[in-house]
Amino acid sequence: MFGKQRSGFRRGDENPAMSGNSRFEEIVRTTPWLMDALAAARDVDAPDWLIGAGALRNAVWDRLHGFAEPTSLADVDVGFFDPADLTDARDEEVEVALRARLPGVPWQAKNQAAVHLWYPKRFGFQVEPFASTAEAIATFPETATSVAVRLESDDSLTVIAPYGLDDLLALVHRHNPRRATVEIYEQRLATKRIAERWPRVTIVPAS
């Protein structure tokens, strides 16, 4: 689809996963398209960048289902944090650089410092400004997608997993109420065809 890395988790503000770190890292490092994307994002080096959300979920759940071919991705989400430029043009600048570095990937770059500016118009309610990309990751709609990774210059992986890795590795689709409403969670469940694509997933109804 879309590359010899040294192991090493670095934890900052995120809560450490209690188990599964080695298995998660093994999946990331042996998924060629994901490692290519991480290397490309490292070269572009947008401030405080992370790849997460659906890209990681797909990589892990495809592997745990034993799929020979990767599930198609709507996009590869690169979150970054640049409070000095909150314009849409800054997102496009990062996307252009990513496409130049690794063409053929459905890149989507979003400045997490600007989310509070466009979120009310799109989703109908206000959100507080974030202080970092990691803080934004903690509000993603599901616990299994509230995970992100950065490939560092020494080839170690920084893993942001505010709710741990258990749900992701146990194939659990669970609502994260930090930002997404129940309606958004249920809409995503349907539009992303979670049960159809990954039939072994346990879907936890939102309440």
Protein backbone atom coordinates (compact mmCIF):
# COMPACT_ATOMS: atom_id res chain seq x y z
CA MET A 1 0.00 0.00 0.00
CA PHE A 2 1.58 2.93 0.62
CA GLY A 3 10.68 1.20 7.02
CA LYS A 4 15.36 -0.98 11.11
CA GLN A 5 13.78 0.88 14.01
CA ARG A 6 14.94 0.82 17.62
CA SER A 7 12.31 0.04 20.19
CA GLY A 8 11.37 2.46 22.91
CA PHE A 9 8.19 3.95 24.33
CA ARG A 10 8.33 7.44 25.72
CA ARG A 11 5.50 8.63 27.93
CA GLY A 12 4.67 12.17 28.80
CA ASP A 13 1.30 13.41 29.95
CA GLU A 14 -0.54 10.31 28.74
CA ASN A 15 -1.48 7.52 31.11
CA PRO A 16 0.73 4.47 30.49
CA ALA A 17 -0.91 1.39 29.06
CA MET A 18 -0.83 -1.41 31.60
CA SER A 19 -0.22 -4.14 29.04
CA GLY A 20 0.20 -4.74 25.36
CA ASN A 21 2.93 -2.19 24.61
CA SER A 22 5.22 -4.69 22.97
CA ARG A 23 2.43 -6.18 20.86
CA PHE A 24 1.30 -2.74 19.75
CA GLU A 25 4.81 -1.67 18.78
CA GLU A 26 5.35 -4.93 16.90
CA ILE A 27 2.21 -4.30 14.84
CA VAL A 28 3.22 -0.71 14.08
CA ARG A 29 6.76 -1.62 13.06
CA THR A 30 5.69 -4.56 10.85
CA THR A 31 2.97 -2.63 8.99
CA PRO A 32 4.88 -1.28 5.97
CA TRP A 33 2.40 1.38 4.85
CA LEU A 34 2.17 2.77 8.39
CA MET A 35 5.94 2.90 8.84
CA ASP A 36 6.24 4.65 5.48
CA ALA A 37 3.67 7.20 6.60
CA LEU A 38 5.44 7.74 9.93
CA ALA A 39 8.78 8.25 8.18
CA ALA A 40 7.23 10.74 5.78
CA ALA A 41 5.57 12.68 8.60
CA ARG A 42 8.88 12.73 10.48
CA ASP A 43 10.60 14.23 7.44
CA VAL A 44 7.94 16.94 7.10
CA ASP A 45 8.17 17.52 10.86
CA ALA A 46 5.12 19.68 11.54
CA PRO A 47 5.24 20.92 15.16
CA ASP A 48 4.17 18.33 17.74
CA TRP A 49 2.97 15.99 15.00
CA LEU A 50 1.34 12.61 15.60
CA ILE A 51 -0.34 10.02 13.38
CA GLY A 52 -3.35 8.44 15.02
CA ALA A 53 -7.07 7.72 14.97
CA GLY A 54 -8.32 5.50 12.15
CA ALA A 55 -4.92 4.77 10.65
CA LEU A 56 -3.75 3.05 13.82
CA ARG A 57 -7.09 1.38 14.47
CA ASN A 58 -7.09 -0.07 10.96
CA ALA A 59 -3.51 -1.31 11.22
CA VAL A 60 -4.11 -3.03 14.55
CA TRP A 61 -7.54 -4.45 13.86
CA ASP A 62 -6.53 -5.68 10.40
CA ARG A 63 -3.58 -7.52 11.96
CA LEU A 64 -5.67 -9.01 14.75
CA HIS A 65 -8.18 -10.23 12.17
CA GLY A 66 -5.41 -11.78 10.08
CA PHE A 67 -6.26 -9.79 6.97
CA ALA A 68 -3.82 -10.27 4.08
CA GLU A 69 -4.68 -6.87 2.60
CA PRO A 70 -5.12 -3.63 4.54
CA THR A 71 -8.58 -2.15 4.93
CA SER A 72 -8.90 0.97 2.80
CA LEU A 73 -8.38 4.25 4.61
CA ALA A 74 -10.45 7.37 4.11
CA ASP A 75 -7.43 9.34 5.30
CA VAL A 76 -4.21 9.20 7.27
CA ASP A 77 -4.66 11.72 10.06
CA VAL A 78 -1.69 13.85 11.02
CA GLY A 79 -2.41 16.04 13.99
CA PHE A 80 0.02 18.86 14.75
CA PHE A 81 0.05 21.90 17.00
CA ASP A 82 0.91 25.36 15.71
CA PRO A 83 -0.73 28.19 17.71
CA ALA A 84 1.17 30.76 15.63
CA ASP A 85 -0.92 30.06 12.50
CA LEU A 86 -4.54 28.97 12.91
CA THR A 87 -5.54 29.35 9.27
CA ASP A 88 -6.77 26.64 6.93
CA ALA A 89 -3.75 27.47 4.79
CA ARG A 90 -1.48 26.03 7.49
CA ASP A 91 -3.25 22.66 7.26
CA GLU A 92 -2.91 22.74 3.49
CA GLU A 93 0.78 23.64 3.73
CA VAL A 94 1.45 20.54 5.83
CA GLU A 95 -0.66 18.33 3.54
CA VAL A 96 1.20 19.60 0.45
CA ALA A 97 4.52 18.76 2.08
CA LEU A 98 3.28 15.29 3.05
CA ARG A 99 1.99 14.59 -0.46
CA ALA A 100 5.31 15.70 -1.93
CA ARG A 101 7.21 13.41 0.44
CA LEU A 102 4.89 10.39 0.01
CA PRO A 103 2.41 10.67 -2.86
CA GLY A 104 -0.63 8.44 -3.16
CA VAL A 105 -1.53 8.57 0.54
CA PRO A 106 -4.85 10.18 1.56
CA TRP A 107 -3.21 12.64 3.95
CA GLN A 108 -5.28 14.84 6.22
CA ALA A 109 -3.39 17.30 8.39
CA LYS A 110 -5.18 19.26 11.10
CA ASN A 111 -3.76 21.91 13.38
CA GLN A 112 -5.10 20.92 16.79
CA ALA A 113 -4.48 24.45 18.05
CA ALA A 114 -7.31 25.59 15.76
CA VAL A 115 -9.98 22.95 16.46
CA HIS A 116 -12.00 25.23 18.75
CA LEU A 117 -12.43 27.68 15.86
CA TRP A 118 -14.18 25.35 13.42
CA TYR A 119 -15.72 22.71 15.70
CA PRO A 120 -18.89 24.66 16.67
CA LYS A 121 -19.86 25.24 13.05
CA ARG A 122 -19.34 21.61 12.12
CA PHE A 123 -20.73 19.88 15.22
CA GLY A 124 -22.93 22.47 16.88
CA PHE A 125 -21.22 23.06 20.20
CA GLN A 126 -18.16 24.78 21.62
CA VAL A 127 -14.96 23.08 22.71
CA GLU A 128 -12.12 24.54 24.74
CA PRO A 129 -8.80 25.22 23.00
CA PHE A 130 -6.26 22.44 23.32
CA ALA A 131 -2.77 22.91 24.73
CA SER A 132 -1.08 20.16 22.69
CA THR A 133 -1.72 17.47 20.11
CA ALA A 134 -1.72 14.85 22.89
CA GLU A 135 -4.50 16.74 24.67
CA ALA A 136 -6.56 16.64 21.48
CA ILE A 137 -5.95 12.89 21.05
CA ALA A 138 -7.57 12.35 24.45
CA THR A 139 -10.87 13.70 23.08
CA PHE A 140 -11.13 11.52 19.97
CA PRO A 141 -14.54 9.79 19.60
CA GLU A 142 -13.58 6.27 20.65
CA THR A 143 -11.07 4.95 23.16
CA ALA A 144 -9.55 2.73 20.47
CA THR A 145 -8.93 5.73 18.23
CA SER A 146 -7.59 7.87 21.07
CA VAL A 147 -4.12 6.56 20.31
CA ALA A 148 -1.35 8.20 18.31
CA VAL A 149 2.29 7.60 17.42
CA ARG A 150 5.34 9.63 16.41
CA LEU A 151 8.52 8.18 14.93
CA GLU A 152 11.39 10.05 16.56
CA SER A 153 14.74 10.99 15.03
CA ASP A 154 16.40 8.04 16.83
CA ASP A 155 13.73 5.68 15.45
CA SER A 156 12.05 5.20 18.81
CA LEU A 157 8.28 5.48 18.98
CA THR A 158 6.44 7.99 21.11
CA VAL A 159 3.02 6.54 21.88
CA ILE A 160 0.16 8.69 23.14
CA ALA A 161 -2.49 6.49 24.71
CA PRO A 162 -4.47 8.45 27.33
CA TYR A 163 -6.84 5.52 27.97
CA GLY A 164 -4.24 2.82 27.45
CA LEU A 165 -4.09 0.28 24.65
CA ASP A 166 -6.42 -2.36 26.07
CA ASP A 167 -9.50 -1.49 23.99
CA LEU A 168 -7.50 -1.18 20.79
CA LEU A 169 -5.76 -4.51 21.31
CA ALA A 170 -8.87 -6.27 22.62
CA LEU A 171 -10.97 -5.19 19.61
CA VAL A 172 -13.35 -3.06 21.66
CA HIS A 173 -15.23 -0.13 20.11
CA ARG A 174 -16.18 2.14 23.01
CA HIS A 175 -17.49 5.71 23.15
CA ASN A 176 -15.14 8.35 24.50
CA PRO A 177 -17.47 11.07 25.81
CA ARG A 178 -14.78 13.73 26.26
CA ARG A 179 -15.88 15.54 23.09
CA ALA A 180 -18.01 13.38 20.82
CA THR A 181 -21.72 13.08 21.56
CA VAL A 182 -23.57 9.77 21.53
CA GLU A 183 -25.03 10.77 18.18
CA ILE A 184 -21.58 11.34 16.70
CA TYR A 185 -20.38 8.02 18.09
CA GLU A 186 -23.31 6.12 16.61
CA GLN A 187 -22.99 7.89 13.28
CA ARG A 188 -19.32 6.96 13.06
CA LEU A 189 -20.12 3.37 13.99
CA ALA A 190 -22.50 3.16 11.04
CA THR A 191 -20.62 5.17 8.40
CA LYS A 192 -17.28 3.47 9.09
CA ARG A 193 -18.98 0.03 8.94
CA ILE A 194 -17.11 -1.18 11.98
CA ALA A 195 -19.04 -4.42 12.49
CA GLU A 196 -18.88 -5.28 8.79
CA ARG A 197 -15.17 -4.58 8.37
CA TRP A 198 -13.99 -6.14 11.63
CA PRO A 199 -16.55 -8.77 12.71
CA ARG A 200 -14.64 -9.79 15.84
CA VAL A 201 -14.97 -6.31 17.34
CA THR A 202 -17.05 -5.94 20.50
CA ILE A 203 -19.22 -2.85 20.18
CA VAL A 204 -20.10 -1.18 23.47
CA PRO A 205 -23.34 0.82 23.19
CA ALA A 206 -22.99 4.46 24.21
CA SER A 207 -25.12 5.66 27.09
